[in-house]
Amino acid sequence: MKIFVAGGAGYIGSACTEYLIDNGHEVTVFDSLETGHRDAVDKRAEFIEGNLADKDLVVKSMVEGKFEAIMHFAAYSLVGESMTDPGKYFRNNVASGINLLDAAVEAKVRTIVFSSTCATYGEPEIIPITESEKQCPINPYGESKLAFEKILKWYHEVYGLEYAALRYFNASGASKNFGEDHSPETHLIPIVLQVAQGKREHIMMFGDDYDTPDGTCIRDYIHILDLAQAHMLALNAPRSGHYNLGTGKGLSVKEIIDVAREVTGHPIPAQIAPRRDGDPPRLIGCADLAKKELGWKPQYENANDIIQSAWDWSQKYPNGYEN
């Protein structure tokens, strides 16, 4: 298929672009490079530098490209920032996303795969989270993603645009060529590895008295290549709707740090800090529906595989994409 990847210079978008091309698809990446990296764009892909807020450019690119499908990763994703600047998140994640949908309709693109989030569920009552769990976001980031999912539903009803919204929590790990390089970095695994690299003195664990086996929060970590596989499979989803992606188990903060110590051979000092507001003890997704309907078969469901791949990439590119 000929695929338009919005946000293909970002962490998840870059790995998905690589995976798509490796599996025979033709990809054009559209990215503003505001948070992404030019060197994160697979050299085999065409590249258009632009912002989804520029509707004319999005429409022009879509019409001229004659694409068969869209993958949409071009969203802001910092929960804390969304709590201090909600307008930024609704303008980009919702309003600019509508430009992409309007361009799809004008260019007669039939399918879109949307990188959503389990943050649409808020603080779930049942773990692991299934698709039937109520939607109750607790921050503007999750609200913006849920709003776009609802808009997708209506574009499906009105224009026949087929869609799959994939909800997941913690993308992690790296492919051989593409890894995680954010500024600022807010994700646990790359921060832990920065300690091993000597870029930080220690890692902070926010709370060690939760109702979990070791007292630290448990989160669902999914290898970036497993996410890429799911996005590609979703191009042929049997219906329009949403799917959770997760391991059904999750890993605690202490487990991540312990495995990182083993993988890197570094002591990785850790300090205990007070709990952060709004941190639930467990956030784990159930992916039974994706496995059944999409045929998703994760290959990297253990911490060693995830952290080893991220460590290998960080050793190859110690300064990230600055290399």
Protein backbone atom coordinates (compact mmCIF):
# COMPACT_ATOMS: atom_id res chain seq x y z
CA MET A 1 0.00 0.00 0.00
CA LYS A 2 0.98 3.63 -0.42
CA ILE A 3 0.80 5.13 3.07
CA PHE A 4 0.90 8.71 4.40
CA VAL A 5 2.51 8.71 7.87
CA ALA A 6 1.78 11.88 9.82
CA GLY A 7 4.35 12.28 12.58
CA GLY A 8 6.79 9.82 11.03
CA ALA A 9 9.83 11.63 12.43
CA GLY A 10 8.80 10.90 16.01
CA TYR A 11 9.63 7.91 18.18
CA ILE A 12 6.73 5.61 17.30
CA GLY A 13 6.22 6.99 13.79
CA SER A 14 9.85 6.40 12.78
CA ALA A 15 9.82 2.76 13.86
CA CYS A 16 6.47 2.16 12.18
CA THR A 17 7.73 3.74 8.96
CA GLU A 18 10.74 1.43 8.99
CA TYR A 19 8.52 -1.59 9.67
CA LEU A 20 6.09 -0.69 6.89
CA ILE A 21 8.87 -0.30 4.34
CA ASP A 22 10.53 -3.52 5.47
CA ASN A 23 7.22 -5.24 4.76
CA GLY A 24 6.82 -3.90 1.25
CA HIS A 25 4.78 -0.73 1.73
CA GLU A 26 5.57 2.65 0.18
CA VAL A 27 5.69 5.47 2.74
CA THR A 28 5.62 9.27 2.69
CA VAL A 29 6.39 10.90 6.03
CA PHE A 30 4.75 14.24 6.89
CA ASP A 31 6.23 15.93 9.96
CA SER A 32 6.85 19.46 11.25
CA LEU A 33 10.06 18.37 13.05
CA GLU A 34 8.86 20.36 16.08
CA THR A 35 9.44 17.36 18.35
CA GLY A 36 10.61 14.81 15.78
CA HIS A 37 14.02 14.43 14.14
CA ARG A 38 14.92 14.59 10.46
CA ASP A 39 17.42 11.76 10.98
CA ALA A 40 14.61 9.63 12.40
CA VAL A 41 12.95 9.49 8.98
CA ASP A 42 13.81 6.27 7.18
CA LYS A 43 15.95 7.17 4.15
CA ARG A 44 13.76 4.98 1.96
CA ALA A 45 10.68 7.12 2.68
CA GLU A 46 9.70 10.33 0.96
CA PHE A 47 9.60 13.27 3.34
CA ILE A 48 7.40 16.37 3.45
CA GLU A 49 8.17 18.95 6.13
CA GLY A 50 4.91 20.51 7.21
CA ASN A 51 2.41 21.02 10.00
CA LEU A 52 -1.09 19.55 10.08
CA ALA A 53 -2.28 23.04 11.01
CA ASP A 54 -1.48 24.03 7.41
CA LYS A 55 -4.62 22.60 5.84
CA ASP A 56 -3.77 23.66 2.30
CA LEU A 57 -0.44 21.84 2.42
CA VAL A 58 -2.03 18.74 3.96
CA VAL A 59 -4.71 18.63 1.27
CA LYS A 60 -2.18 19.25 -1.52
CA SER A 61 0.12 16.52 -0.21
CA MET A 62 -2.72 14.06 0.16
CA VAL A 63 -4.26 14.69 -3.24
CA GLU A 64 -0.97 14.61 -5.13
CA GLY A 65 0.26 11.52 -3.30
CA LYS A 66 -2.71 9.32 -4.21
CA PHE A 67 -2.40 7.47 -0.89
CA GLU A 68 -4.37 4.37 0.02
CA ALA A 69 -4.08 4.78 3.79
CA ILE A 70 -2.99 7.13 6.58
CA MET A 71 -1.21 6.50 9.88
CA HIS A 72 -1.56 9.35 12.34
CA PHE A 73 1.10 9.82 15.04
CA ALA A 74 1.31 13.64 14.93
CA ALA A 75 0.09 14.54 18.41
CA TYR A 76 1.44 16.21 21.52
CA SER A 77 1.70 13.64 24.32
CA LEU A 78 3.02 15.16 27.55
CA VAL A 79 0.36 14.71 30.22
CA GLY A 80 1.87 17.31 32.56
CA GLU A 81 2.11 19.93 29.84
CA SER A 82 -1.48 19.29 28.84
CA MET A 83 -2.51 20.23 32.38
CA THR A 84 -0.80 23.63 32.09
CA ASP A 85 -1.59 24.39 28.43
CA PRO A 86 -4.73 22.50 27.41
CA GLY A 87 -5.37 24.75 24.42
CA LYS A 88 -2.13 23.62 22.81
CA TYR A 89 -3.33 20.01 22.99
CA PHE A 90 -6.82 20.63 21.66
CA ARG A 91 -5.54 22.80 18.79
CA ASN A 92 -2.98 20.25 17.65
CA ASN A 93 -4.50 16.91 18.61
CA VAL A 94 -8.07 17.77 17.62
CA ALA A 95 -8.28 20.80 15.31
CA SER A 96 -5.20 19.95 13.24
CA GLY A 97 -6.29 16.32 13.17
CA ILE A 98 -9.56 17.41 11.53
CA ASN A 99 -7.47 18.96 8.73
CA LEU A 100 -5.98 15.53 8.14
CA LEU A 101 -9.43 13.93 8.00
CA ASP A 102 -10.77 16.57 5.63
CA ALA A 103 -7.76 16.01 3.38
CA ALA A 104 -8.41 12.26 3.47
CA VAL A 105 -12.00 12.82 2.35
CA GLU A 106 -10.96 15.19 -0.45
CA ALA A 107 -8.25 12.78 -1.66
CA LYS A 108 -10.58 9.77 -1.34
CA VAL A 109 -8.30 7.94 1.10
CA ARG A 110 -10.31 5.10 2.57
CA THR A 111 -8.40 4.01 5.69
CA ILE A 112 -6.74 5.65 8.70
CA VAL A 113 -4.92 4.05 11.63
CA PHE A 114 -4.82 6.37 14.63
CA SER A 115 -2.22 6.21 17.38
CA SER A 116 -4.50 6.71 20.39
CA THR A 117 -3.89 6.04 24.08
CA CYS A 118 -5.22 4.13 27.07
CA ALA A 119 -5.30 7.56 28.77
CA THR A 120 -8.81 7.80 27.32
CA TYR A 121 -9.86 5.49 30.17
CA GLY A 122 -8.61 7.74 32.95
CA GLU A 123 -8.34 5.78 36.21
CA PRO A 124 -9.89 2.43 35.30
CA GLU A 125 -11.96 0.40 37.74
CA ILE A 126 -10.96 -2.95 36.25
CA ILE A 127 -7.41 -4.18 35.49
CA PRO A 128 -6.40 -5.24 32.91
CA ILE A 129 -8.35 -2.65 30.91
CA THR A 130 -10.68 -3.94 28.20
CA GLU A 131 -12.34 -1.95 25.44
CA SER A 132 -15.62 -2.01 27.38
CA GLU A 133 -14.15 0.03 30.25
CA LYS A 134 -15.79 3.46 30.56
CA GLN A 135 -14.04 6.44 28.97
CA CYS A 136 -13.23 9.09 31.58
CA PRO A 137 -9.97 10.96 30.85
CA ILE A 138 -8.38 12.80 33.75
CA ASN A 139 -6.20 15.17 31.71
CA PRO A 140 -6.50 17.23 28.50
CA TYR A 141 -4.11 14.90 26.68
CA GLY A 142 -6.41 11.90 27.15
CA GLU A 143 -9.45 14.07 26.46
CA SER A 144 -7.97 15.28 23.16
CA LYS A 145 -7.32 11.72 22.01
CA LEU A 146 -10.82 10.61 22.98
CA ALA A 147 -12.31 13.62 21.18
CA PHE A 148 -10.48 12.68 17.99
CA GLU A 149 -11.68 9.07 18.30
CA LYS A 150 -15.26 10.34 18.44
CA ILE A 151 -14.65 12.52 15.39
CA LEU A 152 -13.26 9.49 13.55
CA LYS A 153 -16.52 7.66 14.25
CA TRP A 154 -18.53 10.41 12.58
CA TYR A 155 -16.23 10.64 9.56
CA HIS A 156 -16.78 6.90 9.22
CA GLU A 157 -20.56 7.33 9.47
CA VAL A 158 -20.75 10.30 7.09
CA TYR A 159 -17.93 9.67 4.59
CA GLY A 160 -17.24 5.95 4.90
CA LEU A 161 -13.70 6.51 6.20
CA GLU A 162 -12.54 3.23 7.74
CA TYR A 163 -10.51 3.62 10.92
CA ALA A 164 -8.73 1.75 13.68
CA ALA A 165 -7.82 3.59 16.88
CA LEU A 166 -5.07 1.79 18.79
CA ARG A 167 -4.95 2.47 22.54
CA TYR A 168 -1.76 1.73 24.43
CA PHE A 169 0.38 3.10 27.24
CA ASN A 170 4.16 2.83 27.22
CA ALA A 171 5.88 2.43 23.88
CA SER A 172 9.41 1.26 24.64
CA GLY A 173 12.56 -0.29 23.25
CA ALA A 174 14.13 0.40 19.88
CA SER A 175 14.63 -1.05 16.44
CA LYS A 176 18.15 -1.34 15.06
CA ASN A 177 17.95 2.12 13.49
CA PHE A 178 15.39 4.11 15.46
CA GLY A 179 15.00 4.76 19.17
CA GLU A 180 13.73 7.13 21.80
CA ASP A 181 15.13 10.66 21.88
CA HIS A 182 12.85 13.25 23.48
CA SER A 183 13.58 16.69 24.86
CA PRO A 184 12.69 16.78 27.64
CA GLU A 185 12.76 13.05 28.31
CA THR A 186 9.88 11.94 30.51
CA HIS A 187 9.76 8.17 29.98
CA LEU A 188 11.13 5.78 32.57
CA ILE A 189 13.28 3.44 30.48
CA PRO A 190 15.35 6.08 28.63
CA ILE A 191 15.78 8.01 31.88
CA VAL A 192 17.04 4.87 33.65
CA LEU A 193 19.47 4.26 30.79
CA GLN A 194 20.68 7.86 31.01
CA VAL A 195 21.85 7.04 34.54
CA ALA A 196 23.79 4.07 33.16
CA GLN A 197 25.30 6.38 30.52
CA GLY A 198 26.46 8.83 33.18
CA LYS A 199 24.06 11.57 32.08
CA ARG A 200 22.15 11.45 35.39
CA GLU A 201 23.33 10.64 38.89
CA HIS A 202 20.32 8.57 39.90
CA ILE A 203 16.76 7.62 39.06
CA MET A 204 13.83 8.84 41.15
CA MET A 205 11.09 6.37 42.11
CA PHE A 206 7.91 8.26 42.89
CA GLY A 207 6.42 6.24 45.73
CA ASP A 208 7.31 2.77 47.02
CA ASP A 209 4.22 2.16 49.13
CA TYR A 210 1.60 1.35 46.49
CA ASP A 211 -0.59 -1.72 46.71
CA THR A 212 1.64 -3.70 44.34
CA PRO A 213 4.04 -6.62 44.99
CA ASP A 214 7.10 -4.40 45.40
CA GLY A 215 5.37 -1.12 46.31
CA THR A 216 6.12 0.69 43.04
CA CYS A 217 3.72 1.51 40.22
CA ILE A 218 3.11 -1.06 37.51
CA ARG A 219 2.77 -0.03 33.88
CA ASP A 220 2.33 -1.80 30.56
CA TYR A 221 5.44 -1.58 28.37
CA ILE A 222 5.13 -2.58 24.70
CA HIS A 223 8.11 -2.95 22.39
CA ILE A 224 8.09 -0.47 19.54
CA LEU A 225 8.32 -3.28 16.96
CA ASP A 226 5.25 -4.98 18.41
CA LEU A 227 3.42 -1.66 18.13
CA ALA A 228 4.60 -1.32 14.53
CA GLN A 229 3.26 -4.79 13.75
CA ALA A 230 -0.12 -3.88 15.23
CA HIS A 231 -0.35 -0.65 13.23
CA MET A 232 0.40 -2.47 9.99
CA LEU A 233 -2.16 -5.19 10.75
CA ALA A 234 -4.74 -2.52 11.56
CA LEU A 235 -4.61 -1.36 7.94
CA ASN A 236 -6.78 -4.38 7.25
CA ALA A 237 -8.91 -4.32 10.40
CA PRO A 238 -12.18 -6.22 9.88
CA ARG A 239 -14.22 -3.30 11.23
CA SER A 240 -13.88 0.34 12.22
CA GLY A 241 -13.37 0.87 15.94
CA HIS A 242 -10.77 0.81 18.67
CA TYR A 243 -8.36 -1.81 19.99
CA ASN A 244 -6.26 -1.96 23.14
CA LEU A 245 -2.63 -2.99 22.86
CA GLY A 246 -0.90 -4.33 25.95
CA THR A 247 0.81 -7.28 27.56
CA GLY A 248 -1.88 -7.98 30.15
CA LYS A 249 0.85 -8.16 32.82
CA GLY A 250 2.87 -4.99 33.23
CA LEU A 251 6.18 -4.23 34.90
CA SER A 252 6.91 -2.27 38.08
CA VAL A 253 9.33 0.61 38.35
CA LYS A 254 11.66 -1.54 40.45
CA GLU A 255 11.51 -4.37 37.93
CA ILE A 256 12.50 -2.00 35.12
CA ILE A 257 15.44 -0.67 37.15
CA ASP A 258 16.60 -4.16 38.15
CA VAL A 259 16.57 -5.40 34.56
CA ALA A 260 18.36 -2.26 33.41
CA ARG A 261 21.08 -2.92 35.98
CA GLU A 262 21.46 -6.44 34.63
CA VAL A 263 21.50 -5.36 30.96
CA THR A 264 23.88 -2.40 31.38
CA GLY A 265 26.13 -3.73 34.14
CA HIS A 266 25.69 -0.36 35.90
CA PRO A 267 24.48 -0.03 39.53
CA ILE A 268 21.90 2.66 38.58
CA PRO A 269 21.37 4.32 41.99
CA ALA A 270 17.71 4.88 42.83
CA GLN A 271 16.10 7.26 45.30
CA ILE A 272 12.58 7.30 46.71
CA ALA A 273 10.51 10.44 46.16
CA PRO A 274 6.93 11.24 47.22
CA ARG A 275 4.08 9.93 45.12
CA ARG A 276 2.97 12.03 42.18
CA ASP A 277 -0.66 13.17 42.07
CA GLY A 278 -2.81 11.04 39.81
CA ASP A 279 -0.50 8.03 39.55
CA PRO A 280 -2.68 4.89 39.77
CA PRO A 281 -0.97 1.79 41.20
CA ARG A 282 -1.56 -0.28 38.04
CA LEU A 283 -2.27 0.54 34.40
CA ILE A 284 -2.35 -2.57 32.25
CA GLY A 285 -4.12 -3.12 28.94
CA CYS A 286 -5.88 -6.26 27.72
CA ALA A 287 -5.15 -6.93 24.03
CA ASP A 288 -7.30 -10.01 23.49
CA LEU A 289 -9.45 -8.24 20.91
CA ALA A 290 -6.45 -7.08 18.84
CA LYS A 291 -5.02 -10.58 18.92
CA LYS A 292 -8.33 -12.10 17.83
CA GLU A 293 -9.45 -9.60 15.18
CA LEU A 294 -6.14 -8.19 13.89
CA GLY A 295 -4.05 -11.32 14.31
CA TRP A 296 -1.56 -9.38 16.45
CA LYS A 297 1.24 -11.58 17.79
CA PRO A 298 3.68 -9.64 20.03
CA GLN A 299 7.25 -10.90 19.84
CA TYR A 300 8.99 -8.92 22.61
CA GLU A 301 6.92 -9.19 25.77
CA ASN A 302 9.65 -9.30 28.41
CA ALA A 303 11.66 -6.55 30.04
CA ASN A 304 15.03 -7.94 28.94
CA ASP A 305 14.18 -7.74 25.23
CA ILE A 306 12.77 -4.23 25.58
CA ILE A 307 15.59 -2.78 27.65
CA GLN A 308 18.36 -4.57 25.75
CA SER A 309 17.13 -3.09 22.46
CA ALA A 310 16.92 0.41 23.98
CA TRP A 311 20.40 0.03 25.50
CA ASP A 312 21.89 -1.20 22.21
CA TRP A 313 20.45 1.82 20.40
CA SER A 314 21.69 4.26 23.05
CA GLN A 315 25.17 2.76 22.80
CA LYS A 316 25.13 3.11 19.04
CA TYR A 317 23.77 6.67 19.26
CA PRO A 318 24.95 8.00 22.66
CA ASN A 319 23.75 11.52 21.86
CA GLY A 320 20.56 10.42 20.17
CA TYR A 321 19.86 11.94 16.79
CA GLU A 322 22.48 14.66 17.38
CA ASN A 323 24.89 12.16 15.79
